[in-house]
């Protein structure tokens, strides 16, 4: 796989930029910025990804590590969605969590 990424440098760079932007927007973004600052941040981020591309081409698994990070963020989002949905259901049912799994004795 490393050889394929080395042979297709443009695709590797685009994957690195996409993962980095997703990670930045989900983890590090504090709030909405004005459009020019937003553009400047993404340009600097894309330029910084050139360093990651060099490391990727030097046989370090940058894209694979970013894929793991994005996957973990996806799991976190699914868990947050599940917890939010569960809280909504318990609120809708009267505020107390359901006790389906508890055996009444």
N, C-alpha and C. Protein backbone atom coordinates (compact mmCIF):
# COMPACT_ATOMS: atom_id res chain seq x y z
N UNK A 1 0.82 -1.18 0.00
CA UNK A 1 0.00 0.00 0.00
C UNK A 1 0.87 1.26 0.00
N UNK A 2 1.96 1.22 0.76
CA UNK A 2 2.87 2.36 0.80
C UNK A 2 3.42 2.66 -0.59
N UNK A 3 3.69 1.62 -1.35
CA UNK A 3 4.23 1.81 -2.70
C UNK A 3 3.19 2.49 -3.59
N UNK A 4 1.93 2.11 -3.44
CA UNK A 4 0.87 2.73 -4.24
C UNK A 4 0.75 4.21 -3.91
N UNK A 5 0.78 4.55 -2.62
CA UNK A 5 0.72 5.95 -2.24
C UNK A 5 1.95 6.70 -2.75
N UNK A 6 3.09 6.05 -2.77
CA UNK A 6 4.31 6.68 -3.29
C UNK A 6 4.20 6.92 -4.80
N UNK A 7 3.57 6.01 -5.50
CA UNK A 7 3.41 6.16 -6.95
C UNK A 7 2.36 7.20 -7.32
N UNK A 8 1.36 7.38 -6.48
CA UNK A 8 0.27 8.32 -6.74
C UNK A 8 0.34 9.46 -5.72
N UNK A 9 1.25 10.38 -5.95
CA UNK A 9 1.52 11.43 -4.98
C UNK A 9 0.38 12.44 -4.87
N UNK A 10 -0.27 12.76 -5.98
CA UNK A 10 -1.36 13.73 -5.93
C UNK A 10 -2.53 13.19 -5.11
N UNK A 11 -2.86 11.93 -5.31
CA UNK A 11 -3.94 11.31 -4.53
C UNK A 11 -3.56 11.25 -3.07
N UNK A 12 -2.31 10.94 -2.79
CA UNK A 12 -1.85 10.92 -1.40
C UNK A 12 -1.99 12.29 -0.76
N UNK A 13 -1.58 13.33 -1.48
CA UNK A 13 -1.68 14.69 -0.95
C UNK A 13 -3.13 15.07 -0.71
N UNK A 14 -4.00 14.75 -1.64
CA UNK A 14 -5.42 15.10 -1.47
C UNK A 14 -6.04 14.34 -0.29
N UNK A 15 -5.67 13.09 -0.10
CA UNK A 15 -6.16 12.33 1.06
C UNK A 15 -5.66 12.94 2.37
N UNK A 16 -4.40 13.34 2.39
CA UNK A 16 -3.84 13.96 3.59
C UNK A 16 -4.56 15.27 3.89
N UNK A 17 -4.76 16.09 2.86
CA UNK A 17 -5.45 17.38 3.06
C UNK A 17 -6.88 17.15 3.53
N UNK A 18 -7.59 16.22 2.92
CA UNK A 18 -8.98 15.96 3.30
C UNK A 18 -9.07 15.48 4.75
N UNK A 19 -8.21 14.54 5.12
CA UNK A 19 -8.23 14.05 6.50
C UNK A 19 -7.85 15.14 7.49
N UNK A 20 -6.85 15.94 7.14
CA UNK A 20 -6.42 17.00 8.03
C UNK A 20 -7.51 18.05 8.22
N UNK A 21 -8.18 18.42 7.14
CA UNK A 21 -9.27 19.40 7.25
C UNK A 21 -10.42 18.85 8.08
N UNK A 22 -10.74 17.58 7.89
CA UNK A 22 -11.81 16.98 8.68
C UNK A 22 -11.44 16.95 10.17
N UNK A 23 -10.21 16.54 10.45
CA UNK A 23 -9.76 16.48 11.84
C UNK A 23 -9.75 17.88 12.45
N UNK A 24 -9.26 18.86 11.70
CA UNK A 24 -9.23 20.23 12.20
C UNK A 24 -10.65 20.74 12.48
N UNK A 25 -11.54 20.54 11.53
CA UNK A 25 -12.90 21.07 11.68
C UNK A 25 -13.67 20.37 12.80
N UNK A 26 -13.39 19.11 13.05
CA UNK A 26 -14.14 18.41 14.10
C UNK A 26 -13.53 18.59 15.48
N UNK A 27 -12.23 18.71 15.57
CA UNK A 27 -11.59 18.72 16.89
C UNK A 27 -11.17 20.11 17.32
N UNK A 28 -10.51 20.85 16.45
CA UNK A 28 -9.85 22.07 16.88
C UNK A 28 -10.60 23.36 16.59
N UNK A 29 -11.66 23.33 15.84
CA UNK A 29 -12.38 24.55 15.50
C UNK A 29 -13.13 25.08 16.73
N UNK A 30 -12.88 26.33 17.04
CA UNK A 30 -13.52 26.96 18.20
C UNK A 30 -14.87 27.55 17.85
N UNK A 31 -15.00 28.09 16.67
CA UNK A 31 -16.25 28.70 16.25
C UNK A 31 -16.15 29.13 14.80
N UNK A 32 -17.15 29.82 14.34
CA UNK A 32 -17.17 30.27 12.96
C UNK A 32 -16.25 31.47 12.81
N UNK A 33 -15.42 31.45 11.77
CA UNK A 33 -14.51 32.55 11.48
C UNK A 33 -15.03 33.35 10.29
N UNK A 34 -14.59 34.59 10.16
CA UNK A 34 -14.90 35.33 8.92
C UNK A 34 -14.30 34.60 7.72
N UNK A 35 -14.88 34.82 6.56
CA UNK A 35 -14.53 34.02 5.38
C UNK A 35 -13.06 34.16 4.98
N UNK A 36 -12.48 35.34 5.08
CA UNK A 36 -11.07 35.50 4.70
C UNK A 36 -10.15 34.76 5.67
N UNK A 37 -10.47 34.81 6.95
CA UNK A 37 -9.67 34.07 7.92
C UNK A 37 -9.84 32.56 7.72
N UNK A 38 -11.04 32.17 7.37
CA UNK A 38 -11.30 30.75 7.09
C UNK A 38 -10.46 30.27 5.91
N UNK A 39 -10.41 31.07 4.86
CA UNK A 39 -9.61 30.73 3.68
C UNK A 39 -8.13 30.69 4.04
N UNK A 40 -7.68 31.67 4.83
CA UNK A 40 -6.27 31.71 5.23
C UNK A 40 -5.90 30.48 6.06
N UNK A 41 -6.76 30.09 6.98
CA UNK A 41 -6.50 28.91 7.81
C UNK A 41 -6.38 27.66 6.94
N UNK A 42 -7.27 27.50 5.98
CA UNK A 42 -7.24 26.31 5.13
C UNK A 42 -6.04 26.33 4.18
N UNK A 43 -5.62 27.50 3.73
CA UNK A 43 -4.42 27.57 2.88
C UNK A 43 -3.18 27.18 3.68
N UNK A 44 -3.05 27.71 4.89
CA UNK A 44 -1.91 27.35 5.74
C UNK A 44 -1.95 25.86 6.08
N UNK A 45 -3.15 25.35 6.31
CA UNK A 45 -3.30 23.93 6.60
C UNK A 45 -2.86 23.08 5.40
N UNK A 46 -3.25 23.50 4.19
CA UNK A 46 -2.87 22.77 2.98
C UNK A 46 -1.36 22.85 2.75
N UNK A 47 -0.75 23.98 3.05
CA UNK A 47 0.70 24.08 2.92
C UNK A 47 1.41 23.21 3.95
N UNK A 48 0.87 23.15 5.15
CA UNK A 48 1.46 22.29 6.18
C UNK A 48 1.35 20.82 5.85
N UNK A 49 0.37 20.48 5.04
CA UNK A 49 0.21 19.08 4.64
C UNK A 49 1.32 18.63 3.71
N UNK A 50 2.04 19.57 3.12
CA UNK A 50 3.18 19.18 2.29
C UNK A 50 4.24 18.47 3.12
N UNK A 51 4.40 18.89 4.38
CA UNK A 51 5.34 18.21 5.27
C UNK A 51 4.88 16.78 5.53
N UNK A 52 3.58 16.63 5.76
CA UNK A 52 3.05 15.28 5.96
C UNK A 52 3.19 14.43 4.71
N UNK A 53 3.07 15.05 3.53
CA UNK A 53 3.26 14.30 2.29
C UNK A 53 4.71 13.82 2.18
N UNK A 54 5.66 14.67 2.54
CA UNK A 54 7.06 14.26 2.50
C UNK A 54 7.28 13.07 3.44
N UNK A 55 6.69 13.13 4.62
CA UNK A 55 6.82 12.01 5.56
C UNK A 55 6.16 10.75 5.01
N UNK A 56 5.02 10.92 4.34
CA UNK A 56 4.33 9.77 3.73
C UNK A 56 5.20 9.16 2.63
N UNK A 57 5.80 10.00 1.82
CA UNK A 57 6.65 9.49 0.74
C UNK A 57 7.94 8.88 1.27
N UNK A 58 8.30 9.23 2.51
CA UNK A 58 9.49 8.66 3.15
C UNK A 58 9.14 7.38 3.90
N UNK A 59 8.01 6.77 3.54
CA UNK A 59 7.58 5.46 4.04
C UNK A 59 7.04 5.46 5.47
N UNK A 60 6.56 6.61 5.94
CA UNK A 60 5.86 6.64 7.22
C UNK A 60 4.35 6.52 6.95
N UNK A 61 3.61 5.82 7.77
CA UNK A 61 2.17 5.58 7.49
C UNK A 61 1.28 6.75 7.92
N UNK A 62 1.45 7.90 7.31
CA UNK A 62 0.68 9.09 7.68
C UNK A 62 -0.79 8.91 7.33
N UNK A 63 -1.07 8.47 6.12
CA UNK A 63 -2.47 8.33 5.68
C UNK A 63 -3.18 7.27 6.50
N UNK A 64 -2.52 6.18 6.81
CA UNK A 64 -3.13 5.13 7.61
C UNK A 64 -3.44 5.64 9.02
N UNK A 65 -2.53 6.40 9.60
CA UNK A 65 -2.77 6.95 10.94
C UNK A 65 -3.92 7.94 10.93
N UNK A 66 -3.99 8.75 9.90
CA UNK A 66 -5.11 9.70 9.80
C UNK A 66 -6.43 8.96 9.59
N UNK A 67 -6.39 7.86 8.84
CA UNK A 67 -7.61 7.07 8.64
C UNK A 67 -8.09 6.49 9.97
N UNK A 68 -7.16 6.06 10.81
CA UNK A 68 -7.54 5.56 12.13
C UNK A 68 -8.14 6.68 12.97
N UNK A 69 -7.55 7.87 12.91
CA UNK A 69 -8.08 9.01 13.67
C UNK A 69 -9.48 9.38 13.20
N UNK A 70 -9.69 9.40 11.89
CA UNK A 70 -11.02 9.72 11.35
C UNK A 70 -12.02 8.63 11.74
N UNK A 71 -11.60 7.38 11.72
CA UNK A 71 -12.48 6.29 12.14
C UNK A 71 -12.87 6.40 13.60
N UNK A 72 -11.91 6.76 14.45
CA UNK A 72 -12.22 6.93 15.87
C UNK A 72 -13.18 8.10 16.08
N UNK A 73 -13.02 9.16 15.30
CA UNK A 73 -13.95 10.29 15.41
C UNK A 73 -15.34 9.90 14.94
N UNK A 74 -15.41 9.06 13.92
CA UNK A 74 -16.71 8.57 13.46
C UNK A 74 -17.38 7.72 14.54
N UNK A 75 -16.61 6.89 15.24
CA UNK A 75 -17.17 6.11 16.35
C UNK A 75 -17.66 7.01 17.46
N UNK A 76 -16.90 8.06 17.74
CA UNK A 76 -17.32 9.01 18.77
C UNK A 76 -18.61 9.70 18.38
N UNK A 77 -18.73 10.12 17.12
CA UNK A 77 -19.96 10.76 16.65
C UNK A 77 -21.15 9.81 16.75
N UNK A 78 -20.93 8.54 16.39
CA UNK A 78 -22.02 7.58 16.50
C UNK A 78 -22.43 7.38 17.95
N UNK A 79 -21.46 7.34 18.85
CA UNK A 79 -21.76 7.18 20.27
C UNK A 79 -22.51 8.39 20.80
N UNK A 80 -22.10 9.60 20.42
CA UNK A 80 -22.80 10.80 20.85
C UNK A 80 -24.22 10.82 20.32
N UNK A 81 -24.42 10.39 19.07
CA UNK A 81 -25.76 10.31 18.50
C UNK A 81 -26.62 9.32 19.27
N UNK A 82 -26.02 8.17 19.61
CA UNK A 82 -26.74 7.15 20.37
C UNK A 82 -27.14 7.67 21.75
N UNK A 83 -26.20 8.33 22.44
CA UNK A 83 -26.50 8.87 23.77
C UNK A 83 -27.57 9.95 23.71
N UNK A 84 -27.50 10.80 22.70
CA UNK A 84 -28.49 11.87 22.54
C UNK A 84 -29.87 11.27 22.28
N UNK A 85 -29.91 10.25 21.44
CA UNK A 85 -31.17 9.59 21.12
C UNK A 85 -31.75 8.88 22.35
N UNK A 86 -30.86 8.26 23.12
CA UNK A 86 -31.30 7.57 24.33
C UNK A 86 -31.83 8.56 25.36
N UNK A 87 -31.17 9.70 25.51
CA UNK A 87 -31.63 10.73 26.44
C UNK A 87 -32.98 11.30 26.00
N UNK A 88 -33.16 11.47 24.70
CA UNK A 88 -34.43 11.97 24.18
C UNK A 88 -35.56 10.98 24.47
N UNK A 89 -35.28 9.69 24.28
CA UNK A 89 -36.30 8.68 24.55
C UNK A 89 -36.66 8.62 26.02
N UNK A 90 -35.65 8.71 26.90
CA UNK A 90 -35.96 8.66 28.33
C UNK A 90 -36.72 9.90 28.76
N UNK A 91 -36.40 11.04 28.17
CA UNK A 91 -37.14 12.28 28.48
C UNK A 91 -38.58 12.18 27.99
N UNK A 92 -38.75 11.57 26.83
CA UNK A 92 -40.08 11.41 26.25
C UNK A 92 -40.93 10.43 27.07
N UNK A 93 -40.28 9.45 27.71
CA UNK A 93 -41.00 8.44 28.49
C UNK A 93 -41.21 8.83 29.94
N UNK A 94 -40.94 10.05 30.30
CA UNK A 94 -41.24 10.49 31.66
C UNK A 94 -40.02 10.81 32.49
N UNK A 95 -38.87 10.87 31.92
CA UNK A 95 -37.69 11.31 32.64
C UNK A 95 -36.89 10.22 33.31
N UNK A 96 -37.41 9.03 33.45
CA UNK A 96 -36.63 7.97 34.07
C UNK A 96 -36.21 6.97 33.00
N UNK A 97 -35.01 6.46 33.09
CA UNK A 97 -34.57 5.48 32.10
C UNK A 97 -35.39 4.20 32.22
N UNK A 98 -35.54 3.52 31.10
CA UNK A 98 -36.31 2.28 31.12
C UNK A 98 -35.52 1.19 31.81
N UNK A 99 -36.23 0.31 32.48
CA UNK A 99 -35.59 -0.78 33.22
C UNK A 99 -35.98 -2.11 32.60
N UNK A 100 -35.78 -2.25 31.30
CA UNK A 100 -36.15 -3.49 30.61
C UNK A 100 -35.29 -4.66 31.05
N UNK A 101 -34.01 -4.39 31.32
CA UNK A 101 -33.10 -5.49 31.61
C UNK A 101 -33.09 -5.88 33.08
N UNK A 102 -33.78 -5.15 33.94
CA UNK A 102 -33.78 -5.45 35.36
C UNK A 102 -34.92 -6.43 35.65
N UNK A 103 -34.60 -7.48 36.37
CA UNK A 103 -35.59 -8.49 36.72
C UNK A 103 -36.31 -8.06 38.01
N UNK A 104 -37.61 -7.74 37.96
CA UNK A 104 -38.31 -7.34 39.17
C UNK A 104 -38.54 -8.53 40.10
N UNK A 105 -38.07 -8.44 41.35
CA UNK A 105 -38.23 -9.54 42.30
C UNK A 105 -38.89 -9.09 43.56
